[in-house]
C-alpha atoms as a PDB file:
ATOM      1  CA  MET A   1      -1.687 -53.541  -4.876  1.00  0.00           C
ATOM      2  CA  TYR A   2       0.589 -50.563  -4.982  1.00  0.00           C
ATOM      3  CA  GLY A   3       4.243 -50.717  -4.075  1.00  0.00           C
ATOM      4  CA  PRO A   4       6.410 -48.026  -2.498  1.00  0.00           C
ATOM      5  CA  PHE A   5       7.190 -44.859  -4.421  1.00  0.00           C
ATOM      6  CA  ALA A   6      10.417 -44.891  -6.413  1.00  0.00           C
ATOM      7  CA  GLU A   7      13.307 -43.189  -4.666  1.00  0.00           C
ATOM      8  CA  GLN A   8      13.752 -39.585  -5.801  1.00  0.00           C
ATOM      9  CA  GLU A   9      16.297 -36.840  -5.290  1.00  0.00           C
ATOM     10  CA  LEU A  10      15.281 -34.397  -2.549  1.00  0.00           C
ATOM     11  CA  ARG A  11      14.965 -30.840  -3.851  1.00  0.00           C
ATOM     12  CA  THR A  12      14.237 -27.583  -2.121  1.00  0.00           C
ATOM     13  CA  VAL A  13      11.805 -25.232  -3.806  1.00  0.00           C
ATOM     14  CA  TRP A  14      11.180 -21.620  -2.825  1.00  0.00           C
ATOM     15  CA  ARG A  15       7.563 -20.979  -1.835  1.00  0.00           C
ATOM     16  CA  HIS A  16       5.740 -17.908  -0.641  1.00  0.00           C
ATOM     17  CA  LEU A  17       2.314 -16.721   0.397  1.00  0.00           C
ATOM     18  CA  SER A  18       0.340 -15.874  -2.702  1.00  0.00           C
ATOM     19  CA  PRO A  19      -0.823 -12.251  -2.894  1.00  0.00           C
ATOM     20  CA  LEU A  20      -4.495 -11.598  -2.365  1.00  0.00           C
ATOM     21  CA  ASP A  21      -6.430 -11.051  -5.604  1.00  0.00           C
ATOM     22  CA  GLY A  22      -8.844  -8.188  -4.854  1.00  0.00           C
ATOM     23  CA  GLU A  23     -11.485  -9.240  -7.384  1.00  0.00           C
ATOM     24  CA  SER A  24     -11.509 -12.863  -6.206  1.00  0.00           C
ATOM     25  CA  TYR A  25     -11.648 -11.717  -2.593  1.00  0.00           C
ATOM     26  CA  ALA A  26     -14.681  -9.478  -3.249  1.00  0.00           C
ATOM     27  CA  GLU A  27     -16.505 -12.270  -5.089  1.00  0.00           C
ATOM     28  CA  SER A  28     -15.855 -14.760  -2.299  1.00  0.00           C
ATOM     29  CA  ARG A  29     -16.690 -12.257   0.482  1.00  0.00           C
ATOM     30  CA  TRP A  30     -19.916 -10.747  -0.883  1.00  0.00           C
ATOM     31  CA  GLU A  31     -22.622 -12.628  -2.805  1.00  0.00           C
ATOM     32  CA  GLU A  32     -22.984  -9.943  -5.506  1.00  0.00           C
ATOM     33  CA  PRO A  33     -20.242  -7.348  -4.916  1.00  0.00           C
ATOM     34  CA  ASP A  34     -20.876  -3.780  -6.016  1.00  0.00           C
ATOM     35  CA  ASP A  35     -18.235  -1.346  -7.312  1.00  0.00           C
ATOM     36  CA  GLU A  36     -17.347  -0.148  -3.806  1.00  0.00           C
ATOM     37  CA  GLN A  37     -16.772  -3.706  -2.584  1.00  0.00           C
ATOM     38  CA  TYR A  38     -14.586  -4.484  -5.621  1.00  0.00           C
ATOM     39  CA  GLU A  39     -12.637  -1.313  -4.823  1.00  0.00           C
ATOM     40  CA  LEU A  40     -12.212  -2.406  -1.191  1.00  0.00           C
ATOM     41  CA  GLY A  41     -10.981  -5.811  -2.383  1.00  0.00           C
ATOM     42  CA  GLY A  42      -8.503  -4.059  -4.697  1.00  0.00           C
ATOM     43  CA  GLU A  43      -7.232  -1.861  -1.859  1.00  0.00           C
ATOM     44  CA  LEU A  44      -6.749  -4.918   0.337  1.00  0.00           C
ATOM     45  CA  GLY A  45      -4.822  -6.643  -2.474  1.00  0.00           C
ATOM     46  CA  ASP A  46      -2.640  -3.543  -2.937  1.00  0.00           C
ATOM     47  CA  ALA A  47      -1.921  -3.405   0.805  1.00  0.00           C
ATOM     48  CA  TRP A  48      -1.020  -7.112   0.808  1.00  0.00           C
ATOM     49  CA  ARG A  49       1.456  -6.615  -2.046  1.00  0.00           C
ATOM     50  CA  ALA A  50       2.912  -3.483  -0.390  1.00  0.00           C
ATOM     51  CA  VAL A  51       3.648  -5.415   2.797  1.00  0.00           C
ATOM     52  CA  GLY A  52       5.090  -8.425   0.970  1.00  0.00           C
ATOM     53  CA  GLY A  53       7.019  -6.637  -1.751  1.00  0.00           C
ATOM     54  CA  SER A  54       7.299  -7.951  -5.278  1.00  0.00           C
ATOM     55  CA  TRP A  55       5.785 -11.392  -5.702  1.00  0.00           C
ATOM     56  CA  PRO A  56       6.404 -13.839  -8.516  1.00  0.00           C
ATOM     57  CA  VAL A  57       3.381 -15.181 -10.349  1.00  0.00           C
ATOM     58  CA  TRP A  58       2.045 -18.114  -8.364  1.00  0.00           C
ATOM     59  CA  THR A  59       1.161 -21.539  -9.688  1.00  0.00           C
ATOM     60  CA  PHE A  60       0.371 -23.373  -6.445  1.00  0.00           C
ATOM     61  CA  ALA A  61      -0.914 -22.079  -3.114  1.00  0.00           C
ATOM     62  CA  LEU A  62      -1.845 -23.755   0.162  1.00  0.00           C
ATOM     63  CA  GLY A  63      -4.921 -22.366   1.874  1.00  0.00           C
ATOM     64  CA  GLY A  64      -5.948 -18.749   1.550  1.00  0.00           C
ATOM     65  CA  GLN A  65      -8.920 -17.146  -0.163  1.00  0.00           C
ATOM     66  CA  PRO A  66     -10.514 -18.887  -3.157  1.00  0.00           C
ATOM     67  CA  VAL A  67      -9.522 -17.690  -6.615  1.00  0.00           C
ATOM     68  CA  VAL A  68     -12.694 -16.953  -8.573  1.00  0.00           C
ATOM     69  CA  LEU A  69     -12.538 -16.995 -12.366  1.00  0.00           C
ATOM     70  CA  ASN A  70     -16.210 -17.637 -13.072  1.00  0.00           C
ATOM     71  CA  ASP A  71     -17.719 -19.241  -9.973  1.00  0.00           C
ATOM     72  CA  ASN A  72     -16.763 -19.290  -6.319  1.00  0.00           C
ATOM     73  CA  PRO A  73     -15.459 -22.797  -5.541  1.00  0.00           C
ATOM     74  CA  LEU A  74     -16.728 -22.520  -1.948  1.00  0.00           C
ATOM     75  CA  ALA A  75     -20.292 -22.426  -3.349  1.00  0.00           C
ATOM     76  CA  ALA A  76     -19.778 -25.668  -5.315  1.00  0.00           C
ATOM     77  CA  PRO A  77     -20.198 -28.377  -2.624  1.00  0.00           C
ATOM     78  CA  GLU A  78     -23.896 -29.247  -2.371  1.00  0.00           C
ATOM     79  CA  ASP A  79     -23.911 -30.400   1.250  1.00  0.00           C
ATOM     80  CA  GLY A  80     -23.667 -26.884   2.683  1.00  0.00           C
ATOM     81  CA  GLY A  81     -20.807 -27.877   4.981  1.00  0.00           C
ATOM     82  CA  ASP A  82     -18.261 -25.452   6.350  1.00  0.00           C
ATOM     83  CA  TRP A  83     -15.617 -25.734   3.617  1.00  0.00           C
ATOM     84  CA  THR A  84     -12.277 -23.978   3.267  1.00  0.00           C
ATOM     85  CA  VAL A  85      -9.567 -23.880   0.604  1.00  0.00           C
ATOM     86  CA  LEU A  86      -6.951 -26.590   1.094  1.00  0.00           C
ATOM     87  CA  ALA A  87      -4.908 -25.755  -2.019  1.00  0.00           C
ATOM     88  CA  ALA A  88      -5.201 -24.117  -5.426  1.00  0.00           C
ATOM     89  CA  TRP A  89      -3.261 -24.778  -8.612  1.00  0.00           C
ATOM     90  CA  ARG A  90      -3.278 -22.351 -11.514  1.00  0.00           C
ATOM     91  CA  ARG A  91      -2.702 -23.888 -14.908  1.00  0.00           C
ATOM     92  CA  GLU A  92      -2.896 -21.693 -18.026  1.00  0.00           C
ATOM     93  CA  GLU A  93      -6.527 -20.456 -18.160  1.00  0.00           C
ATOM     94  CA  ALA A  94      -7.846 -22.592 -15.296  1.00  0.00           C
ATOM     95  CA  VAL A  95      -7.656 -22.849 -11.525  1.00  0.00           C
ATOM     96  CA  VAL A  96      -8.093 -26.194  -9.770  1.00  0.00           C
ATOM     97  CA  THR A  97      -9.115 -25.781  -6.143  1.00  0.00           C
ATOM     98  CA  TRP A  98      -9.190 -28.484  -3.489  1.00  0.00           C
ATOM     99  CA  LEU A  99     -11.678 -27.816  -0.712  1.00  0.00           C
ATOM    100  CA  ILE A 100     -11.919 -29.522   2.656  1.00  0.00           C
ATOM    101  CA  ARG A 101     -14.409 -29.335   5.499  1.00  0.00           C
ATOM    102  CA  ARG A 102     -12.916 -27.466   8.445  1.00  0.00           C
ATOM    103  CA  GLU A 103     -13.669 -30.332  10.837  1.00  0.00           C
ATOM    104  CA  ASP A 104     -11.893 -32.794   8.506  1.00  0.00           C
ATOM    105  CA  LEU A 105      -8.870 -30.499   8.280  1.00  0.00           C
ATOM    106  CA  ALA A 106      -8.726 -30.224  12.078  1.00  0.00           C
ATOM    107  CA  VAL A 107      -8.403 -33.998  12.454  1.00  0.00           C
ATOM    108  CA  GLY A 108      -6.216 -34.570   9.378  1.00  0.00           C
ATOM    109  CA  ARG A 109      -8.900 -36.379   7.401  1.00  0.00           C
ATOM    110  CA  PHE A 110      -7.856 -35.792   3.780  1.00  0.00           C
ATOM    111  CA  ASP A 111      -9.853 -38.625   2.187  1.00  0.00           C
ATOM    112  CA  ARG A 112     -12.955 -36.433   1.705  1.00  0.00           C
ATOM    113  CA  VAL A 113     -11.416 -33.518  -0.189  1.00  0.00           C
ATOM    114  CA  TYR A 114     -13.562 -31.891  -2.899  1.00  0.00           C
ATOM    115  CA  GLY A 115     -11.906 -30.894  -6.181  1.00  0.00           C
ATOM    116  CA  TYR A 116     -13.230 -28.011  -8.276  1.00  0.00           C
ATOM    117  CA  ALA A 117     -11.982 -26.760 -11.670  1.00  0.00           C
ATOM    118  CA  ASP A 118     -12.833 -23.251 -12.843  1.00  0.00           C
ATOM    119  CA  MET A 119     -12.036 -22.333 -16.449  1.00  0.00           C
END
């Protein structure tokens, strides 16, 4: 049986919306993006950064579009459910993405989250 968590000092950490990565957006939006679709994704990413200003490099993001290094994490679950990105964590050369079904997210059911690592 687990006991309570050890008491810890409360700290405030600055967080922000992560900028849209045009290449990842194109690969998650279109099954096999062509050059024009990659260009559109890049333009959208540029517009996002222009509106938000200078962004630090992110390591953790809640929600948003999936980050695609090799494979789209939204294509990974085999049940074909309506999945969305819950969170993503970038670590060196990998991205770990937690996916959740939209209906589970709506009711706060976090016990059926799907984890996906892309390296």
